[in-house]
Amino acid sequence: MEFADIQAWRITGTKVHYFLVCHRKLWLFSRHITMERGHGLVEEGRLLHRDAYERSLRKEQWLGGLVRLDHTEGGLLVEIKRSRRLPRVARYQLLFYLYLLKKYVGWSEGEAFPIAGEIRYPRERRKERVELTPQAEAEVEKVIEGIRSVEELPHPPVVPYKGLCKRCAYAELCWG
């Protein structure tokens, strides 16, 4: 998959996150139905991004006008998260950014590339290193295809109520 294909589909880290958490949320978001503005947890995350590691890291950068990368430091792409509540989702989001970076810069298939990142949880003072391997690339491509499939649905997918739903910005829309 080429960077231009990802740009054409407007696939972002938020969409990766929503795909892994809730297909209905992704479907609604892809149709510009956004419920995040003013939601407490979302606002808390925005403040954390703004204030975490304020002095030591190079702040947000745009990649090809498509995604905003949180920070870079010493050759690592750094993703800041509020908590470790959804570690798989955070990992895939960072892998997606690393994948995009590889595609954007245009490394060739045979070329070795030391591309890695780190998920940081400043409130917990924890970090997790993430590397883009060939296996991880294949997984990211499956997620991208899954996002495209959900976005092409004519109606929002039916999803079961989960524990995460009660704290979701879309809860009122989905569950009244």
Protein backbone atom coordinates (compact mmCIF):
# COMPACT_ATOMS: atom_id res chain seq x y z
CA MET A 1 0.00 0.00 0.00
CA GLU A 2 1.30 3.42 -0.92
CA PHE A 3 1.19 6.61 1.11
CA ALA A 4 -1.01 8.21 -1.58
CA ASP A 5 -3.64 5.46 -1.08
CA ILE A 6 -3.71 6.13 2.65
CA GLN A 7 -4.01 9.87 1.96
CA ALA A 8 -6.85 9.30 -0.50
CA TRP A 9 -8.78 7.35 2.13
CA ARG A 10 -7.90 9.94 4.81
CA ILE A 11 -6.84 7.19 7.20
CA THR A 12 -5.56 8.67 10.44
CA GLY A 13 -4.40 7.50 13.85
CA THR A 14 -7.81 8.39 15.24
CA LYS A 15 -9.44 6.05 12.74
CA VAL A 16 -7.02 3.27 13.70
CA HIS A 17 -7.92 3.86 17.35
CA TYR A 18 -11.67 3.85 16.65
CA PHE A 19 -11.46 0.76 14.44
CA LEU A 20 -9.81 -1.22 17.23
CA VAL A 21 -12.21 0.06 19.90
CA CYS A 22 -15.58 0.27 18.12
CA HIS A 23 -16.54 -0.07 14.46
CA ARG A 24 -19.70 2.00 15.00
CA LYS A 25 -17.66 4.89 16.40
CA LEU A 26 -15.36 4.68 13.37
CA TRP A 27 -18.33 4.65 10.98
CA LEU A 28 -19.89 7.72 12.63
CA PHE A 29 -16.55 9.56 12.78
CA SER A 30 -15.86 8.82 9.11
CA ARG A 31 -19.11 10.62 8.30
CA HIS A 32 -18.00 13.69 10.25
CA ILE A 33 -20.23 12.94 13.23
CA THR A 34 -17.94 13.96 16.05
CA MET A 35 -18.82 13.91 19.72
CA GLU A 36 -15.36 14.53 21.19
CA ARG A 37 -15.50 18.31 21.62
CA GLY A 38 -15.98 19.11 25.29
CA HIS A 39 -15.84 15.47 26.43
CA GLY A 40 -13.88 15.31 29.70
CA LEU A 41 -11.51 12.45 28.87
CA VAL A 42 -10.77 13.82 25.40
CA GLU A 43 -10.01 17.27 26.80
CA GLU A 44 -7.80 15.73 29.48
CA GLY A 45 -5.84 13.95 26.74
CA ARG A 46 -5.42 17.20 24.79
CA LEU A 47 -4.03 18.95 27.86
CA LEU A 48 -1.66 16.07 28.52
CA HIS A 49 -0.35 16.26 24.94
CA ARG A 50 0.16 19.98 25.28
CA ASP A 51 1.96 19.89 28.62
CA ALA A 52 3.81 16.54 28.80
CA TYR A 53 7.55 16.68 28.22
CA GLU A 54 7.19 20.35 27.43
CA ARG A 55 10.89 21.22 27.47
CA SER A 56 12.61 18.10 26.20
CA LEU A 57 10.76 17.01 23.08
CA ARG A 58 10.20 18.42 19.67
CA LYS A 59 6.45 18.95 19.55
CA GLU A 60 3.81 17.87 17.07
CA GLN A 61 4.69 17.46 13.40
CA TRP A 62 2.44 16.88 10.42
CA LEU A 63 3.24 14.01 8.08
CA GLY A 64 2.07 14.66 4.53
CA GLY A 65 -0.81 16.81 5.75
CA LEU A 66 -2.52 13.65 6.96
CA VAL A 67 -1.52 12.83 10.52
CA ARG A 68 -0.08 14.77 13.41
CA LEU A 69 2.75 12.95 15.10
CA ASP A 70 3.02 13.74 18.81
CA HIS A 71 6.76 14.15 19.31
CA THR A 72 10.19 12.99 18.24
CA GLU A 73 13.21 12.45 20.40
CA GLY A 74 16.57 10.90 19.56
CA GLY A 75 15.32 9.14 16.42
CA LEU A 76 12.23 7.78 18.16
CA LEU A 77 8.67 8.68 17.36
CA VAL A 78 6.97 9.33 20.70
CA GLU A 79 3.25 8.83 21.28
CA ILE A 80 1.82 10.26 24.50
CA LYS A 81 -1.11 8.46 26.12
CA ARG A 82 -3.19 9.30 29.17
CA SER A 83 -3.21 5.76 30.57
CA ARG A 84 -2.37 2.15 29.75
CA ARG A 85 -6.05 1.28 29.67
CA LEU A 86 -5.96 0.26 25.98
CA PRO A 87 -2.36 -0.87 25.38
CA ARG A 88 -3.11 -2.82 22.17
CA VAL A 89 -4.84 0.22 20.66
CA ALA A 90 -1.94 2.54 21.60
CA ARG A 91 0.54 0.06 20.13
CA TYR A 92 -1.31 -0.20 16.81
CA GLN A 93 -1.72 3.55 16.59
CA LEU A 94 2.03 4.02 16.96
CA LEU A 95 2.72 1.16 14.53
CA PHE A 96 0.44 2.92 12.03
CA TYR A 97 2.45 6.14 12.40
CA LEU A 98 5.72 4.24 11.95
CA TYR A 99 4.27 2.49 8.90
CA LEU A 100 3.21 5.84 7.43
CA LEU A 101 6.62 7.30 8.12
CA LYS A 102 8.26 4.42 6.28
CA LYS A 103 5.89 4.83 3.31
CA TYR A 104 6.18 8.62 3.29
CA VAL A 105 9.96 8.61 3.34
CA GLY A 106 9.93 5.80 0.79
CA TRP A 107 12.23 3.10 2.13
CA SER A 108 12.63 0.29 -0.35
CA GLU A 109 11.60 -3.24 0.55
CA GLY A 110 15.12 -4.62 0.84
CA GLU A 111 16.50 -1.67 2.75
CA ALA A 112 17.06 -2.08 6.47
CA PHE A 113 15.51 0.68 8.48
CA PRO A 114 15.76 1.15 12.20
CA ILE A 115 12.28 2.59 12.69
CA ALA A 116 11.00 2.54 16.23
CA GLY A 117 8.87 4.50 18.58
CA GLU A 118 7.89 4.75 22.17
CA ILE A 119 4.53 5.01 23.88
CA ARG A 120 4.78 7.17 26.97
CA TYR A 121 2.38 7.35 29.85
CA PRO A 122 3.56 10.43 31.75
CA ARG A 123 1.04 10.18 34.58
CA GLU A 124 2.21 6.61 35.27
CA ARG A 125 5.87 7.33 34.46
CA ARG A 126 6.02 4.36 32.13
CA LYS A 127 7.22 3.75 28.57
CA GLU A 128 6.90 1.01 25.99
CA ARG A 129 9.18 0.62 22.97
CA VAL A 130 7.50 -0.37 19.69
CA GLU A 131 9.30 -1.45 16.50
CA LEU A 132 7.93 -1.73 13.00
CA THR A 133 8.74 -5.27 11.90
CA PRO A 134 7.58 -6.96 8.68
CA GLN A 135 4.94 -8.82 10.73
CA ALA A 136 3.75 -5.57 12.32
CA GLU A 137 3.56 -3.98 8.85
CA ALA A 138 1.28 -6.79 7.67
CA GLU A 139 -0.93 -6.30 10.74
CA VAL A 140 -1.16 -2.56 10.09
CA GLU A 141 -2.17 -3.23 6.47
CA LYS A 142 -4.98 -5.51 7.74
CA VAL A 143 -6.18 -2.72 10.05
CA ILE A 144 -6.13 -0.24 7.16
CA GLU A 145 -8.19 -2.63 5.02
CA GLY A 146 -10.57 -3.14 7.96
CA ILE A 147 -11.04 0.62 8.29
CA ARG A 148 -11.85 0.88 4.60
CA SER A 149 -14.40 -1.95 4.92
CA VAL A 150 -16.18 -0.30 7.85
CA GLU A 151 -16.23 3.09 6.13
CA GLU A 152 -17.82 1.56 3.01
CA LEU A 153 -20.79 0.16 4.95
CA PRO A 154 -24.08 1.86 3.99
CA HIS A 155 -25.32 1.87 7.62
CA PRO A 156 -23.58 1.99 11.00
CA PRO A 157 -22.58 -1.47 12.17
CA VAL A 158 -24.46 -3.01 15.06
CA VAL A 159 -22.13 -3.43 18.02
CA PRO A 160 -22.65 -4.88 21.49
CA TYR A 161 -22.57 -2.65 24.57
CA LYS A 162 -19.15 -2.90 26.28
CA GLY A 163 -17.73 -1.52 29.50
CA LEU A 164 -15.89 1.10 27.46
CA CYS A 165 -19.18 2.46 26.14
CA LYS A 166 -20.15 4.24 29.36
CA ARG A 167 -17.05 6.50 29.18
CA CYS A 168 -17.20 7.05 25.40
CA ALA A 169 -17.94 10.46 23.89
CA TYR A 170 -20.42 8.71 21.54
CA ALA A 171 -22.31 6.87 24.32
CA GLU A 172 -25.33 9.16 24.32
CA LEU A 173 -25.64 8.91 20.53
CA CYS A 174 -25.35 5.12 20.50
CA TRP A 175 -27.17 4.16 23.68
CA GLY A 176 -29.33 7.24 24.44
